[in-house]
Amino acid sequence: MKNQLISFSILAGVCAVLQAFMPAAPARAGTGTIRGTVSDSLGIPIVGIPVVLPDMRRGVGTDSLGRFTFLAVPAGRHALRLHWLGCMPVTESLTVAADSVSALRIVPPWAPWWTPVPSLPIRPEDRERFPRKGFGFVFETSRGERVDTFKGLVTKDLVCDPDTTIALMLTAAETDSIYQKMLEIRLLELLEPHSAATQPDVTYHLSAQAGSTRRALEWRAGGLGGTPDWRRLYQLIELIRKLVQARPEWRALPAARCGYM
């Protein structure tokens, strides 16, 4: 019995010595912040581009300066993904350190498509063919986004949650600016865009009416590529989104909890 007690004492002492030299258990990984910008090679910001963290199912859109931010990102290796209007996806990898900010600038190869192009001059016959009286439009996507000025309704795409529809009437000034932009891009003369993409993608639909004239366009993402017509149409869509999203009714809606992959 005495020998057993001595053996246990020696074993306990050895364990204590080994424990003193063993490395401490790693602390639980913290979180950091990702901040970045999306721009072209000249530094011109690209506005409204979705930036996604696929492994976290989170997504944000770039602001008016092309900036985006992800808060509370677990420390470690992550991949950011940009994919918009049928363009080739862009993936950027980075390492996030705990309690720090990881900054990066992304210049997609298709960035020149977003460079603004001059509006076309409005001809007298444009207003005759597409008068302001009775003007209205419906813009919608297959993901659930919808703006209907005839019914005064707007639907927000909440991605992984049910879409939300609210009453929202654009003001006369807001409607005038959209009407003016449609004249400047010569909506009536735009060719029906068709995407060369083979995989399923987002479908866009725009239907506008003025007087007895009606023009409807439907296209899949990437339908017009980087042509000036496509870029002018893109600027029209961004104007519609900008005006709607600036309204207090829209700002009161819940934010999407996740983004598209």
Protein backbone atom coordinates (compact mmCIF):
# COMPACT_ATOMS: atom_id res chain seq x y z
CA MET A 1 0.00 0.00 0.00
CA LYS A 2 2.81 2.38 0.88
CA ASN A 3 4.50 1.63 -2.46
CA GLN A 4 1.25 2.39 -4.28
CA LEU A 5 0.98 5.79 -2.55
CA ILE A 6 4.55 6.60 -3.53
CA SER A 7 3.83 5.59 -7.15
CA PHE A 8 0.75 7.80 -7.26
CA SER A 9 2.73 10.72 -5.81
CA ILE A 10 5.47 10.33 -8.41
CA LEU A 11 2.88 10.07 -11.23
CA ALA A 12 1.12 13.19 -10.02
CA GLY A 13 4.39 15.06 -9.91
CA VAL A 14 5.31 14.00 -13.43
CA CYS A 15 1.89 15.09 -14.72
CA ALA A 16 2.28 18.47 -13.01
CA VAL A 17 5.68 19.01 -14.66
CA LEU A 18 4.36 18.00 -18.10
CA GLN A 19 1.34 20.26 -17.75
CA ALA A 20 3.59 23.22 -16.95
CA PHE A 21 5.43 22.77 -20.24
CA MET A 22 2.35 22.04 -22.39
CA PRO A 23 1.13 24.95 -24.56
CA ALA A 24 -2.02 26.63 -23.38
CA ALA A 25 -5.26 25.74 -25.19
CA PRO A 26 -5.85 28.14 -28.06
CA ALA A 27 -8.28 30.92 -27.27
CA ARG A 28 -11.59 30.94 -29.12
CA ALA A 29 -11.23 32.70 -32.51
CA GLY A 30 -12.53 36.27 -32.49
CA THR A 31 -14.07 38.34 -35.24
CA GLY A 32 -12.89 41.10 -37.53
CA THR A 33 -14.22 43.53 -40.12
CA ILE A 34 -13.97 43.54 -43.90
CA ARG A 35 -14.06 46.89 -45.65
CA GLY A 36 -13.55 47.37 -49.35
CA THR A 37 -14.37 49.27 -52.51
CA VAL A 38 -15.39 48.18 -55.98
CA SER A 39 -14.23 50.46 -58.80
CA ASP A 40 -12.82 50.54 -62.29
CA SER A 41 -9.13 50.94 -63.08
CA LEU A 42 -9.46 54.74 -62.88
CA GLY A 43 -10.94 54.59 -59.40
CA ILE A 44 -14.49 55.41 -60.49
CA PRO A 45 -16.78 53.67 -57.96
CA ILE A 46 -19.21 50.98 -59.10
CA VAL A 47 -22.50 51.49 -57.27
CA GLY A 48 -25.04 48.87 -56.28
CA ILE A 49 -22.92 45.77 -56.94
CA PRO A 50 -23.79 42.83 -54.65
CA VAL A 51 -20.80 41.55 -52.65
CA VAL A 52 -21.34 38.15 -51.04
CA LEU A 53 -19.61 36.07 -48.35
CA PRO A 54 -20.79 32.62 -49.51
CA ASP A 55 -19.58 30.68 -46.47
CA MET A 56 -21.60 32.97 -44.18
CA ARG A 57 -24.59 33.45 -46.50
CA ARG A 58 -24.30 37.21 -46.14
CA GLY A 59 -24.42 39.86 -48.80
CA VAL A 60 -24.35 43.65 -49.12
CA GLY A 61 -24.48 46.15 -51.96
CA THR A 62 -21.87 48.81 -52.65
CA ASP A 63 -22.89 52.35 -51.70
CA SER A 64 -22.67 55.57 -53.70
CA LEU A 65 -18.88 55.53 -53.32
CA GLY A 66 -18.51 51.86 -54.23
CA ARG A 67 -17.86 50.88 -50.60
CA PHE A 68 -19.00 47.80 -48.69
CA THR A 69 -18.56 46.55 -45.12
CA PHE A 70 -18.97 43.22 -43.33
CA LEU A 71 -18.95 43.31 -39.53
CA ALA A 72 -18.37 40.45 -37.08
CA VAL A 73 -16.65 38.15 -39.57
CA PRO A 74 -15.05 35.12 -37.90
CA ALA A 75 -11.27 35.20 -38.02
CA GLY A 76 -9.81 33.02 -40.75
CA ARG A 77 -9.73 32.62 -44.51
CA HIS A 78 -12.74 33.86 -46.49
CA ALA A 79 -13.74 34.42 -50.10
CA LEU A 80 -15.70 37.43 -51.38
CA ARG A 81 -17.75 37.02 -54.53
CA LEU A 82 -19.11 39.56 -57.01
CA HIS A 83 -21.66 38.43 -59.59
CA TRP A 84 -23.92 40.87 -61.36
CA LEU A 85 -26.10 40.90 -64.47
CA GLY A 86 -24.68 37.71 -65.92
CA CYS A 87 -21.07 38.86 -65.85
CA MET A 88 -18.28 36.44 -65.06
CA PRO A 89 -18.15 36.00 -61.25
CA VAL A 90 -15.19 37.60 -59.50
CA THR A 91 -13.79 35.97 -56.36
CA GLU A 92 -11.30 37.58 -53.98
CA SER A 93 -9.74 35.64 -51.10
CA LEU A 94 -8.52 37.27 -47.90
CA THR A 95 -7.62 36.44 -44.31
CA VAL A 96 -9.53 38.14 -41.51
CA ALA A 97 -7.68 38.65 -38.22
CA ALA A 98 -9.47 39.01 -34.91
CA ASP A 99 -10.12 42.56 -33.70
CA SER A 100 -8.80 44.10 -36.92
CA VAL A 101 -9.99 45.54 -40.22
CA SER A 102 -9.17 43.84 -43.51
CA ALA A 103 -9.27 46.33 -46.39
CA LEU A 104 -9.23 45.62 -50.10
CA ARG A 105 -10.05 47.17 -53.45
CA ILE A 106 -11.72 45.08 -56.14
CA VAL A 107 -11.47 46.00 -59.83
CA PRO A 108 -13.64 43.54 -61.80
CA PRO A 109 -12.56 42.81 -65.40
CA TRP A 110 -15.98 43.97 -66.54
CA ALA A 111 -15.72 47.28 -64.64
CA PRO A 112 -15.59 49.42 -67.84
CA TRP A 113 -19.20 48.41 -68.50
CA TRP A 114 -20.24 50.57 -65.54
CA THR A 115 -18.47 53.69 -66.74
CA PRO A 116 -21.24 56.24 -67.42
CA VAL A 117 -22.04 56.98 -71.04
CA PRO A 118 -23.51 60.29 -72.23
CA SER A 119 -27.28 60.50 -72.55
CA LEU A 120 -28.69 60.86 -76.02
CA PRO A 121 -30.27 64.18 -77.02
CA ILE A 122 -34.05 64.27 -76.78
CA ARG A 123 -35.66 64.94 -80.16
CA PRO A 124 -39.05 66.67 -80.61
CA GLU A 125 -40.56 63.48 -81.99
CA ASP A 126 -39.53 61.56 -78.86
CA ARG A 127 -42.08 63.40 -76.70
CA GLU A 128 -44.71 63.05 -79.41
CA ARG A 129 -44.27 59.29 -79.60
CA PHE A 130 -43.89 58.89 -75.83
CA PRO A 131 -45.89 61.69 -74.13
CA ARG A 132 -45.75 62.44 -70.42
CA LYS A 133 -49.52 62.18 -69.99
CA GLY A 134 -50.53 58.85 -68.54
CA PHE A 135 -46.90 57.79 -67.98
CA GLY A 136 -46.22 54.85 -65.71
CA PHE A 137 -44.09 51.73 -65.57
CA VAL A 138 -43.53 48.36 -63.95
CA PHE A 139 -40.03 47.09 -63.23
CA GLU A 140 -39.52 43.64 -61.75
CA THR A 141 -37.04 40.80 -61.48
CA SER A 142 -37.49 37.07 -61.10
CA ARG A 143 -36.04 37.34 -57.58
CA GLY A 144 -39.07 39.25 -56.35
CA GLU A 145 -38.07 42.91 -56.70
CA ARG A 146 -40.94 44.97 -58.16
CA VAL A 147 -41.84 48.64 -58.66
CA ASP A 148 -45.36 49.29 -59.99
CA THR A 149 -46.27 52.96 -60.40
CA PHE A 150 -49.73 52.12 -61.77
CA LYS A 151 -50.75 50.44 -58.49
CA GLY A 152 -48.39 52.42 -56.26
CA LEU A 153 -46.79 49.26 -54.89
CA VAL A 154 -43.17 48.27 -54.26
CA THR A 155 -41.88 44.81 -53.36
CA LYS A 156 -38.52 44.29 -51.66
CA ASP A 157 -36.61 41.07 -52.25
CA LEU A 158 -35.58 39.79 -48.80
CA VAL A 159 -33.67 36.81 -50.29
CA CYS A 160 -34.03 34.09 -47.61
CA ASP A 161 -37.16 35.64 -46.04
CA PRO A 162 -40.59 36.22 -47.66
CA ASP A 163 -40.68 39.29 -49.91
CA THR A 164 -42.43 42.36 -48.52
CA THR A 165 -44.83 44.57 -50.51
CA ILE A 166 -45.76 48.09 -49.40
CA ALA A 167 -47.70 51.04 -50.76
CA LEU A 168 -45.26 53.59 -52.19
CA MET A 169 -46.20 56.32 -54.66
CA LEU A 170 -43.39 58.16 -56.37
CA THR A 171 -43.66 61.93 -56.35
CA ALA A 172 -44.28 63.89 -59.54
CA ALA A 173 -40.65 65.05 -59.53
CA GLU A 174 -39.36 61.50 -59.11
CA THR A 175 -41.63 60.24 -61.89
CA ASP A 176 -40.52 63.11 -64.15
CA SER A 177 -36.85 62.19 -63.71
CA ILE A 178 -37.53 58.57 -64.69
CA TYR A 179 -39.62 59.65 -67.68
CA GLN A 180 -36.82 61.99 -68.76
CA LYS A 181 -34.26 59.18 -68.48
CA MET A 182 -36.42 56.90 -70.65
CA LEU A 183 -36.45 59.58 -73.32
CA GLU A 184 -32.68 60.03 -73.03
CA ILE A 185 -31.96 56.32 -73.54
CA ARG A 186 -34.57 56.15 -76.35
CA LEU A 187 -36.44 53.31 -74.74
CA LEU A 188 -38.73 52.86 -77.73
CA GLU A 189 -35.77 52.12 -80.00
CA LEU A 190 -33.86 49.72 -77.75
CA LEU A 191 -33.46 46.25 -79.22
CA GLU A 192 -34.90 43.34 -77.28
CA PRO A 193 -31.89 42.17 -75.24
CA HIS A 194 -31.05 38.47 -75.18
CA SER A 195 -28.49 36.88 -72.91
CA ALA A 196 -25.86 34.52 -74.25
CA ALA A 197 -25.57 32.93 -70.81
CA THR A 198 -26.45 29.23 -70.73
CA GLN A 199 -27.07 28.85 -67.00
CA PRO A 200 -30.29 30.06 -65.34
CA ASP A 201 -29.97 33.63 -64.20
CA VAL A 202 -32.05 36.58 -63.08
CA THR A 203 -34.78 37.74 -65.46
CA TYR A 204 -35.60 41.44 -65.73
CA HIS A 205 -38.84 42.92 -67.02
CA LEU A 206 -39.57 46.56 -67.77
CA SER A 207 -42.91 47.74 -69.10
CA ALA A 208 -43.59 51.45 -69.65
CA GLN A 209 -46.65 53.24 -70.96
CA ALA A 210 -47.13 56.84 -72.05
CA GLY A 211 -50.35 57.92 -73.71
CA SER A 212 -51.35 55.07 -76.00
CA THR A 213 -47.75 53.91 -76.46
CA ARG A 214 -46.48 50.90 -74.56
CA ARG A 215 -42.96 49.42 -74.57
CA ALA A 216 -42.02 46.17 -72.85
CA LEU A 217 -38.55 44.66 -72.54
CA GLU A 218 -37.60 41.37 -70.93
CA TRP A 219 -34.06 40.11 -70.64
CA ARG A 220 -31.90 37.76 -68.68
CA ALA A 221 -28.89 39.03 -66.77
CA GLY A 222 -26.12 40.10 -69.12
CA GLY A 223 -28.46 40.49 -72.06
CA LEU A 224 -26.81 43.55 -73.59
CA GLY A 225 -23.23 43.00 -72.51
CA GLY A 226 -21.17 46.17 -72.31
CA THR A 227 -22.68 48.06 -75.24
CA PRO A 228 -23.69 51.73 -74.77
CA ASP A 229 -27.38 50.74 -75.02
CA TRP A 230 -26.95 48.23 -72.18
CA ARG A 231 -25.13 50.76 -70.04
CA ARG A 232 -27.85 53.37 -70.58
CA LEU A 233 -30.52 50.82 -69.67
CA TYR A 234 -28.53 49.91 -66.58
CA GLN A 235 -28.39 53.60 -65.60
CA LEU A 236 -32.20 53.78 -65.90
CA ILE A 237 -32.65 50.76 -63.62
CA GLU A 238 -30.21 52.22 -61.09
CA LEU A 239 -32.12 55.53 -61.13
CA ILE A 240 -35.38 53.71 -60.36
CA ARG A 241 -33.73 51.80 -57.52
CA LYS A 242 -32.02 54.90 -56.14
CA LEU A 243 -35.26 56.90 -55.97
CA VAL A 244 -37.24 54.06 -54.40
CA GLN A 245 -34.56 53.15 -51.85
CA ALA A 246 -34.21 56.77 -50.74
CA ARG A 247 -37.83 56.90 -49.63
CA PRO A 248 -38.53 56.60 -45.87
CA GLU A 249 -41.12 53.87 -46.52
CA TRP A 250 -38.41 51.73 -48.09
CA ARG A 251 -35.85 52.51 -45.40
CA ALA A 252 -38.30 51.30 -42.76
CA LEU A 253 -38.38 47.80 -44.31
CA PRO A 254 -36.24 45.07 -42.75
CA ALA A 255 -32.80 44.41 -44.25
CA ALA A 256 -32.12 41.13 -46.01
CA ARG A 257 -30.43 38.68 -43.63
CA CYS A 258 -28.48 36.91 -46.36
CA GLY A 259 -27.32 37.36 -49.92
CA TYR A 260 -27.31 35.39 -53.13
CA MET A 261 -24.55 32.90 -53.81
